[in-house]
Protein backbone atom coordinates (compact mmCIF):
# COMPACT_ATOMS: atom_id res chain seq x y z
CA UNK A 1 -16.34 -38.14 0.27
CA UNK A 2 -12.48 -38.09 -0.08
CA UNK A 3 -11.21 -38.90 -3.41
CA UNK A 4 -8.43 -41.24 -4.17
CA UNK A 5 -6.47 -41.37 -7.56
CA UNK A 6 -5.17 -44.80 -8.69
CA UNK A 7 -3.39 -45.16 -11.68
CA UNK A 8 -2.50 -48.63 -13.39
CA UNK A 9 0.18 -48.84 -15.73
CA UNK A 10 -0.03 -51.14 -18.82
CA UNK A 11 1.83 -54.32 -17.34
CA UNK A 12 -1.00 -53.90 -14.37
CA UNK A 13 -3.91 -54.47 -16.97
CA UNK A 14 -2.06 -56.32 -19.72
CA UNK A 15 -4.69 -59.06 -19.47
CA UNK A 16 -8.43 -59.56 -18.37
CA UNK A 17 -7.11 -61.44 -15.13
CA UNK A 18 -4.93 -58.31 -14.10
CA UNK A 19 -7.88 -56.17 -14.57
CA UNK A 20 -9.75 -58.22 -12.42
CA UNK A 21 -6.95 -57.99 -9.89
CA UNK A 22 -6.52 -54.33 -10.39
CA UNK A 23 -10.30 -54.09 -10.08
CA UNK A 24 -10.08 -55.60 -6.85
CA UNK A 25 -7.88 -53.31 -5.30
CA UNK A 26 -9.99 -50.13 -6.32
CA UNK A 27 -12.79 -52.15 -4.49
CA UNK A 28 -10.79 -52.37 -1.47
CA UNK A 29 -10.47 -48.38 -1.61
CA UNK A 30 -14.31 -47.86 -2.16
CA UNK A 31 -15.01 -49.63 0.89
CA UNK A 32 -13.16 -47.80 2.82
CA UNK A 33 -15.20 -44.79 2.07
CA UNK A 34 -13.36 -43.28 -0.78
CA UNK A 35 -14.58 -42.06 -4.43
CA UNK A 36 -12.01 -43.19 -6.70
CA UNK A 37 -10.74 -41.79 -9.74
CA UNK A 38 -9.33 -44.70 -12.11
CA UNK A 39 -6.63 -43.67 -14.26
CA UNK A 40 -5.48 -46.78 -16.78
CA UNK A 41 -3.05 -47.00 -19.88
CA UNK A 42 -3.09 -49.10 -22.80
CA UNK A 43 -2.86 -52.65 -21.85
CA UNK A 44 0.91 -53.78 -22.40
CA UNK A 45 2.30 -53.74 -25.90
CA UNK A 46 -0.91 -52.59 -27.40
CA UNK A 47 0.61 -48.89 -27.98
CA UNK A 48 3.66 -49.99 -29.62
CA UNK A 49 1.33 -51.98 -31.99
CA UNK A 50 -1.17 -49.05 -32.49
CA UNK A 51 2.22 -47.03 -33.44
CA UNK A 52 3.74 -49.98 -35.55
CA UNK A 53 0.77 -49.57 -37.51
CA UNK A 54 0.40 -45.73 -38.18
CA UNK A 55 4.11 -46.00 -39.32
CA UNK A 56 3.22 -49.02 -41.45
CA UNK A 57 0.36 -46.98 -43.12
CA UNK A 58 1.80 -43.27 -43.33
CA UNK A 59 5.21 -42.98 -42.67
CA UNK A 60 4.79 -39.28 -43.07
CA UNK A 61 1.42 -39.14 -40.77
CA UNK A 62 -0.88 -36.55 -39.86
CA UNK A 63 0.17 -35.83 -36.09
CA UNK A 64 -3.67 -35.41 -35.47
CA UNK A 65 -4.81 -38.97 -36.71
CA UNK A 66 -1.64 -40.46 -34.79
CA UNK A 67 -2.97 -39.30 -31.57
CA UNK A 68 -6.75 -40.67 -32.87
CA UNK A 69 -4.95 -44.21 -33.36
CA UNK A 70 -2.61 -44.42 -30.45
CA UNK A 71 -5.33 -43.18 -27.87
CA UNK A 72 -7.75 -45.72 -28.34
CA UNK A 73 -5.68 -48.26 -26.49
CA UNK A 74 -6.69 -46.44 -23.24
CA UNK A 75 -10.26 -46.26 -24.11
CA UNK A 76 -10.40 -50.13 -24.35
CA UNK A 77 -8.86 -50.74 -20.99
CA UNK A 78 -11.34 -47.91 -19.48
CA UNK A 79 -14.04 -49.84 -20.87
CA UNK A 80 -13.15 -52.87 -19.35
CA UNK A 81 -12.12 -52.07 -16.22
CA UNK A 82 -15.43 -50.11 -15.72
CA UNK A 83 -17.36 -53.57 -16.73
CA UNK A 84 -15.36 -55.38 -14.43
CA UNK A 85 -16.15 -53.05 -11.55
CA UNK A 86 -19.73 -53.12 -12.48
CA UNK A 87 -19.51 -56.94 -12.24
CA UNK A 88 -18.38 -56.56 -8.88
CA UNK A 89 -21.51 -54.46 -7.94
CA UNK A 90 -19.21 -51.25 -7.83
CA UNK A 91 -20.72 -48.30 -9.72
CA UNK A 92 -18.06 -47.02 -12.61
CA UNK A 93 -18.67 -45.48 -15.40
CA UNK A 94 -15.44 -44.96 -18.10
CA UNK A 95 -14.33 -41.65 -19.25
CA UNK A 96 -12.42 -40.67 -22.32
CA UNK A 97 -10.46 -37.34 -22.28
CA UNK A 98 -12.75 -35.13 -23.79
CA UNK A 99 -15.65 -36.37 -21.42
CA UNK A 100 -14.00 -35.03 -18.60
CA UNK A 101 -12.68 -32.75 -20.28
CA UNK A 102 -8.94 -32.97 -20.18
CA UNK A 103 -7.75 -29.84 -21.86
CA UNK A 104 -4.53 -29.64 -23.46
CA UNK A 105 -2.32 -27.72 -25.75
CA UNK A 106 -2.78 -28.59 -29.43
CA UNK A 107 1.02 -29.97 -29.54
CA UNK A 108 -0.32 -33.38 -31.06
CA UNK A 109 1.67 -36.59 -29.72
CA UNK A 110 3.10 -34.26 -26.67
CA UNK A 111 0.17 -32.13 -25.46
CA UNK A 112 0.42 -30.69 -21.88
CA UNK A 113 -2.63 -30.52 -19.78
CA UNK A 114 -3.98 -26.92 -19.41
CA UNK A 115 -6.76 -27.77 -17.04
CA UNK A 116 -9.12 -30.33 -15.99
CA UNK A 117 -12.44 -28.90 -14.55
CA UNK A 118 -13.77 -31.36 -11.69
CA UNK A 119 -17.55 -30.94 -12.49
CA UNK A 120 -18.57 -33.13 -14.96
CA UNK A 121 -17.01 -36.13 -12.69
CA UNK A 122 -18.01 -34.49 -9.19
CA UNK A 123 -21.86 -34.17 -10.54
CA UNK A 124 -21.40 -38.44 -11.24
CA UNK A 125 -20.25 -38.81 -7.82
CA UNK A 126 -23.42 -36.82 -6.20
CA UNK A 127 -25.29 -39.41 -8.05
CA UNK A 128 -23.83 -42.37 -6.93
CA UNK A 129 -21.08 -43.05 -9.34
CA UNK A 130 -18.39 -44.26 -6.70
CA UNK A 131 -15.54 -44.78 -9.29
CA UNK A 132 -14.69 -42.91 -12.34
CA UNK A 133 -12.19 -44.92 -15.00
CA UNK A 134 -10.38 -42.04 -16.98
CA UNK A 135 -8.58 -43.20 -20.07
CA UNK A 136 -4.66 -41.90 -19.53
CA UNK A 137 -2.44 -40.23 -21.84
CA UNK A 138 -5.18 -38.23 -23.74
CA UNK A 139 -7.01 -35.15 -23.67
CA UNK A 140 -8.93 -32.75 -26.16
CA UNK A 141 -7.54 -29.74 -27.84
CA UNK A 142 -9.08 -26.18 -28.14
CA UNK A 143 -9.80 -27.34 -31.64
CA UNK A 144 -11.79 -29.94 -30.30
CA UNK A 145 -9.48 -32.89 -31.42
CA UNK A 146 -8.06 -35.86 -29.46
CA UNK A 147 -4.57 -35.18 -28.08
CA UNK A 148 -2.18 -37.72 -26.64
CA UNK A 149 0.64 -36.75 -23.66
CA UNK A 150 3.69 -38.05 -24.79
CA UNK A 151 5.05 -41.78 -23.32
CA UNK A 152 4.30 -42.27 -19.64
CA UNK A 153 1.65 -39.44 -20.03
CA UNK A 154 -0.83 -41.76 -17.84
CA UNK A 155 1.57 -41.22 -14.92
CA UNK A 156 1.31 -37.09 -15.81
CA UNK A 157 -2.91 -37.75 -16.30
CA UNK A 158 -2.99 -39.61 -12.44
CA UNK A 159 -0.85 -36.71 -10.96
CA UNK A 160 -3.09 -33.63 -12.62
CA UNK A 161 -6.54 -35.53 -11.71
CA UNK A 162 -4.96 -35.49 -8.11
CA UNK A 163 -4.32 -32.08 -8.15
CA UNK A 164 -7.23 -31.04 -9.80
CA UNK A 165 -9.75 -33.13 -7.62
CA UNK A 166 -7.75 -32.28 -4.47
CA UNK A 167 -7.18 -36.31 -3.67
CA UNK A 168 -5.66 -37.48 -0.45
CA UNK A 169 -3.26 -39.14 -2.30
CA UNK A 170 -2.46 -40.32 -6.03
CA UNK A 171 -1.37 -44.21 -5.95
CA UNK A 172 0.91 -45.39 -9.03
CA UNK A 173 0.62 -49.31 -9.46
CA UNK A 174 3.38 -50.55 -11.70
CA UNK A 175 5.48 -53.97 -12.03
CA UNK A 176 8.13 -52.96 -9.29
CA UNK A 177 7.34 -52.54 -6.00
CA UNK A 178 8.58 -49.02 -5.16
CA UNK A 179 11.90 -46.78 -5.63
CA UNK A 180 14.89 -48.02 -4.98
CA UNK A 181 18.42 -47.13 -4.15
CA UNK A 182 19.12 -47.96 -7.89
CA UNK A 183 18.24 -50.56 -10.23
CA UNK A 184 18.30 -54.08 -8.61
CA UNK A 185 18.86 -55.72 -11.92
CA UNK A 186 22.34 -54.04 -11.68
CA UNK A 187 22.86 -53.83 -7.98
CA UNK A 188 21.64 -56.85 -5.82
CA UNK A 189 22.34 -54.46 -2.82
CA UNK A 190 19.65 -52.17 -4.01
CA UNK A 191 17.14 -51.14 -1.16
CA UNK A 192 13.78 -50.00 -1.34
CA UNK A 193 13.04 -46.34 -0.14
CA UNK A 194 10.18 -46.19 2.34
CA UNK A 195 10.24 -42.33 1.46
CA UNK A 196 11.71 -39.79 -1.24
CA UNK A 197 11.58 -36.26 -1.71
CA UNK A 198 10.11 -34.73 -4.50
CA UNK A 199 13.25 -32.91 -5.61
CA UNK A 200 15.64 -36.41 -5.42
CA UNK A 201 12.64 -38.10 -7.60
CA UNK A 202 12.57 -35.75 -10.19
CA UNK A 203 16.38 -36.06 -10.76
CA UNK A 204 16.40 -39.59 -10.40
CA UNK A 205 13.47 -39.66 -12.91
CA UNK A 206 15.30 -37.22 -15.30
CA UNK A 207 18.65 -38.96 -15.03
CA UNK A 208 17.79 -42.52 -16.12
CA UNK A 209 15.14 -44.08 -13.44
CA UNK A 210 12.24 -45.32 -14.90
CA UNK A 211 9.70 -45.87 -12.07
CA UNK A 212 7.97 -42.51 -12.84
CA UNK A 213 7.84 -40.18 -15.71
CA UNK A 214 9.19 -36.59 -15.23
CA UNK A 215 6.58 -34.35 -15.95
CA UNK A 216 4.54 -36.28 -13.47
CA UNK A 217 6.87 -35.72 -10.65
CA UNK A 218 7.01 -32.15 -11.61
CA UNK A 219 3.55 -31.75 -11.59
CA UNK A 220 3.23 -33.52 -7.88
CA UNK A 221 6.06 -31.24 -6.39
CA UNK A 222 4.24 -27.99 -7.79
CA UNK A 223 0.96 -28.87 -6.18
CA UNK A 224 2.44 -30.91 -3.01
CA UNK A 225 0.47 -34.45 -4.67
CA UNK A 226 1.50 -37.25 -2.55
CA UNK A 227 2.76 -39.65 -4.71
CA UNK A 228 2.47 -43.50 -3.65
CA UNK A 229 4.43 -45.92 -5.98
CA UNK A 230 3.98 -49.70 -5.62
CA UNK A 231 3.30 -52.87 -7.43
CA UNK A 232 0.23 -54.22 -8.30
CA UNK A 233 1.26 -57.67 -7.72
CA UNK A 234 2.08 -57.84 -4.07
CA UNK A 235 0.08 -57.89 -1.21
CA UNK A 236 -1.49 -54.15 -0.38
CA UNK A 237 -0.87 -52.25 2.81
CA UNK A 238 -0.74 -48.92 4.05
CA UNK A 239 3.04 -49.00 4.09
CA UNK A 240 3.52 -50.83 0.72
CA UNK A 241 5.72 -49.08 -1.86
CA UNK A 242 7.23 -45.75 -1.85
CA UNK A 243 5.73 -42.46 -0.71
CA UNK A 244 7.42 -39.49 -2.68
CA UNK A 245 6.64 -36.33 -0.71
CA UNK A 246 7.71 -32.92 0.51
CA UNK A 247 11.64 -32.89 1.92
CA UNK A 248 9.93 -31.59 5.31
CA UNK A 249 8.18 -35.05 5.65
CA UNK A 250 11.44 -37.16 5.66
CA UNK A 251 12.58 -37.00 9.20
CA UNK A 252 16.05 -38.74 8.24
CA UNK A 253 17.59 -39.64 5.39
CA UNK A 254 21.01 -40.51 3.75
CA UNK A 255 23.27 -37.89 2.38
CA UNK A 256 22.85 -39.83 -1.18
CA UNK A 257 19.74 -40.99 -1.77
CA UNK A 258 19.92 -43.15 -4.99
CA UNK A 259 22.30 -43.97 -8.05
CA UNK A 260 20.84 -43.54 -11.43
CA UNK A 261 22.09 -44.46 -14.83
CA UNK A 262 21.24 -43.66 -18.47
CA UNK A 263 23.32 -46.31 -20.79
CA UNK A 264 21.81 -44.23 -24.06
CA UNK A 265 24.00 -41.18 -23.74
CA UNK A 266 26.37 -39.77 -26.50
CA UNK A 267 28.95 -37.55 -26.32
CA UNK A 268 29.10 -34.92 -29.30
CA UNK A 269 32.39 -32.80 -29.68
CA UNK A 270 32.56 -29.49 -32.09
CA UNK A 271 36.33 -29.23 -33.06
CA UNK A 272 37.95 -25.90 -33.50
CA UNK A 273 35.17 -23.62 -33.21
CA UNK A 274 35.50 -19.94 -32.97
CA UNK A 275 36.05 -18.57 -29.57
CA UNK A 276 33.74 -15.43 -29.56
CA UNK A 277 31.11 -13.95 -27.88
CA UNK A 278 27.77 -15.64 -29.17
CA UNK A 279 29.08 -18.79 -30.05
CA UNK A 280 27.53 -20.81 -27.28
CA UNK A 281 24.30 -19.09 -28.18
CA UNK A 282 24.58 -20.18 -31.82
CA UNK A 283 25.41 -23.55 -30.91
CA UNK A 284 23.01 -24.51 -28.92
CA UNK A 285 19.96 -22.47 -30.47
CA UNK A 286 20.64 -24.74 -33.49
CA UNK A 287 20.60 -27.73 -31.55
CA UNK A 288 17.33 -26.71 -29.43
CA UNK A 289 15.90 -25.90 -33.00
CA UNK A 290 16.59 -29.47 -34.19
CA UNK A 291 15.06 -31.03 -31.45
CA UNK A 292 18.29 -32.35 -29.46
CA UNK A 293 17.97 -32.48 -25.93
CA UNK A 294 21.27 -31.47 -24.40
CA UNK A 295 22.43 -32.44 -20.84
CA UNK A 296 26.02 -31.83 -20.03
CA UNK A 297 28.04 -28.99 -21.33
CA UNK A 298 31.86 -28.53 -21.46
CA UNK A 299 34.05 -25.72 -23.43
CA UNK A 300 37.67 -26.24 -23.74
CA UNK A 301 40.46 -23.92 -23.09
CA UNK A 302 40.61 -21.79 -26.13
CA UNK A 303 43.99 -21.61 -28.27
CA UNK A 304 44.67 -18.84 -30.71
CA UNK A 305 40.69 -17.86 -30.78
CA UNK A 306 39.60 -21.42 -31.45
CA UNK A 307 37.91 -23.88 -28.68
CA UNK A 308 36.76 -27.36 -28.58
CA UNK A 309 32.61 -27.71 -27.22
CA UNK A 310 31.71 -30.73 -25.97
CA UNK A 311 27.73 -31.50 -25.05
CA UNK A 312 26.17 -34.92 -24.23
CA UNK A 313 22.51 -36.03 -25.90
CA UNK A 314 20.44 -39.44 -26.12
CA UNK A 315 22.26 -41.49 -28.52
CA UNK A 316 19.07 -41.88 -30.62
CA UNK A 317 19.28 -37.83 -31.08
CA UNK A 318 22.88 -37.87 -33.06
CA UNK A 319 21.59 -37.40 -36.64
CA UNK A 320 19.54 -34.67 -35.56
CA UNK A 321 22.23 -32.97 -34.06
CA UNK A 322 24.55 -33.52 -37.20
CA UNK A 323 21.75 -32.26 -39.11
CA UNK A 324 21.27 -29.26 -36.91
CA UNK A 325 24.97 -28.31 -36.96
CA UNK A 326 25.51 -28.94 -40.55
CA UNK A 327 22.73 -26.59 -41.45
CA UNK A 328 24.14 -23.68 -39.02
CA UNK A 329 27.27 -24.09 -40.98
CA UNK A 330 25.93 -23.81 -44.21
CA UNK A 331 24.11 -20.71 -43.19
CA UNK A 332 27.38 -19.37 -41.67
CA UNK A 333 26.50 -19.23 -38.25
CA UNK A 334 29.26 -21.83 -37.30
CA UNK A 335 33.06 -22.45 -38.63
CA UNK A 336 34.46 -25.68 -37.33
CA UNK A 337 36.62 -28.36 -38.18
CA UNK A 338 34.71 -31.08 -37.31
CA UNK A 339 32.00 -32.83 -35.37
CA UNK A 340 32.61 -35.98 -33.81
CA UNK A 341 30.04 -38.42 -32.05
CA UNK A 342 31.51 -40.77 -29.19
CA UNK A 343 28.51 -43.56 -28.88
CA UNK A 344 30.08 -45.86 -26.25
CA UNK A 345 29.03 -43.77 -23.33
CA UNK A 346 26.87 -43.87 -20.32
CA UNK A 347 26.18 -41.58 -17.35
CA UNK A 348 25.92 -42.16 -14.11
CA UNK A 349 24.66 -40.29 -11.15
CA UNK A 350 24.40 -39.80 -7.27
CA UNK A 351 21.23 -37.75 -5.86
CA UNK A 352 20.21 -36.85 -2.29
CA UNK A 353 19.12 -33.75 -0.49
CA UNK A 354 21.60 -34.64 2.05
CA UNK A 355 24.43 -33.02 -0.38
CA UNK A 356 23.12 -29.74 0.53
CA UNK A 357 24.36 -29.87 4.16
CA UNK A 358 27.20 -32.44 3.80
CA UNK A 359 30.58 -31.38 1.87
CA UNK A 360 32.97 -34.07 0.20
CA UNK A 361 30.44 -36.06 -2.06
CA UNK A 362 32.01 -35.23 -4.98
CA UNK A 363 35.79 -36.05 -3.92
CA UNK A 364 34.18 -39.35 -2.85
CA UNK A 365 32.66 -40.14 -5.86
CA UNK A 366 35.60 -39.12 -7.89
CA UNK A 367 37.95 -41.12 -5.60
CA UNK A 368 35.80 -44.49 -5.52
CA UNK A 369 35.68 -44.18 -9.60
CA UNK A 370 39.41 -43.50 -9.57
CA UNK A 371 40.19 -46.70 -7.40
CA UNK A 372 37.99 -48.56 -9.80
CA UNK A 373 40.21 -47.27 -12.83
CA UNK A 374 37.18 -45.31 -14.23
CA UNK A 375 37.95 -42.53 -16.21
CA UNK A 376 35.91 -39.44 -16.47
CA UNK A 377 34.93 -38.01 -19.36
CA UNK A 378 32.55 -35.42 -18.63
CA UNK A 379 31.02 -33.75 -15.24
CA UNK A 380 27.95 -31.89 -14.36
CA UNK A 381 26.04 -30.72 -10.86
CA UNK A 382 23.47 -29.60 -9.31
CA UNK A 383 22.77 -28.79 -5.57
CA UNK A 384 21.60 -32.38 -5.06
CA UNK A 385 23.13 -34.35 -8.03
CA UNK A 386 26.42 -34.75 -9.53
CA UNK A 387 26.71 -36.64 -12.83
CA UNK A 388 29.64 -38.16 -14.75
CA UNK A 389 30.04 -39.28 -18.24
CA UNK A 390 31.98 -42.50 -18.36
CA UNK A 391 32.68 -45.62 -21.02
CA UNK A 392 29.75 -47.62 -21.08
CA UNK A 393 31.06 -50.64 -20.32
CA UNK A 394 32.33 -49.82 -17.13
CA UNK A 395 29.01 -48.28 -16.13
CA UNK A 396 27.59 -51.52 -14.15
CA UNK A 397 30.92 -51.16 -12.11
CA UNK A 398 30.67 -47.78 -11.11
CA UNK A 399 26.85 -48.33 -10.33
CA UNK A 400 28.07 -51.18 -7.96
CA UNK A 401 31.26 -49.36 -6.55
CA UNK A 402 29.07 -46.07 -5.79
CA UNK A 403 25.91 -48.15 -3.82
CA UNK A 404 28.57 -49.76 -1.76
CA UNK A 405 30.68 -46.81 -1.01
CA UNK A 406 27.38 -44.73 0.15
CA UNK A 407 26.28 -47.66 1.64
CA UNK A 408 23.06 -47.32 0.43
CA UNK A 409 22.23 -50.90 0.94
CA UNK A 410 21.50 -49.21 5.00
CA UNK A 411 18.67 -47.33 5.88
CA UNK A 412 19.70 -43.71 7.55
């Protein structure tokens, strides 16, 4: 039988009633003739509670034991979902990561999936099991230890299973009914998209849209897995939600598909650093080794052999960046006057595959911001994205103005 993957996030399985509601949706797909692989997250709030217990018990915890504890939330949900389906006379069985097995690297708390052999689950499907309820977010290392995939890892689990089992589709059930042109809480004119290209979704996810985890979109794009994002709280239909698919499957789209934003940005400037070959490598190697996720980079014009280097990073990584740069200075790799952090900034981005074949998007974006009195601090671009760093107090104004200017409330 064809295989369908259905993933339910924490809010979709937060209570026994919600688990029953999710199980009914699974039952509908089984009745259509699918063998279903259900990927479940921990019940809403449970992972945070488990992480809190670990931190309270051992602030300098052993990452292997951290994974053993925080992965348990998904085990509970998987068992409850399987029991609920059994009560509905749907043959179901729960599976933990090591039972499948979901083979991962040994990087505890941020492992990557290396292989998902389908043999075990397919054998059970052949014996009459109709639903495999798999604990998301977890796997097993080469050493036989439980691993976890990092926050949002259940999305990645779902897409990886869809690829491994050649599933017809991967449905991601969450608390929103699809992918919007921007966050509806910021712009009342935000419109739900029927379809969005993998590349656009990847950019939106990486730029702050929290509908899908970035790694899951990367996997879906690589293995051409059709993703559907839909709400677990609304009536189900074949047209529900947003389909994330290949660009070729979208007949018409706006030049700009969405406006993404991130409030939690910081702008850091290294003042008066030596302008010499290798200086950029020295700075950003130090930041990389310090675990700092650098986004935008700008180097100022050199004067008398000195220059300023500016970059953006998540605001919660400022201390890491300062420690990495100070260590590089003490070791003699860097010589500079000051390191300044501006924590009162936000990133706003316009995204769209139509930008490849249409000119003037950047000019329009900058003119709109100018008309609203918004000063741009840093700019970065790619083939289908333009991002700017602005004062945080203007973020919502900028998003609303750009959404209106590119008429994203109207379909193509």
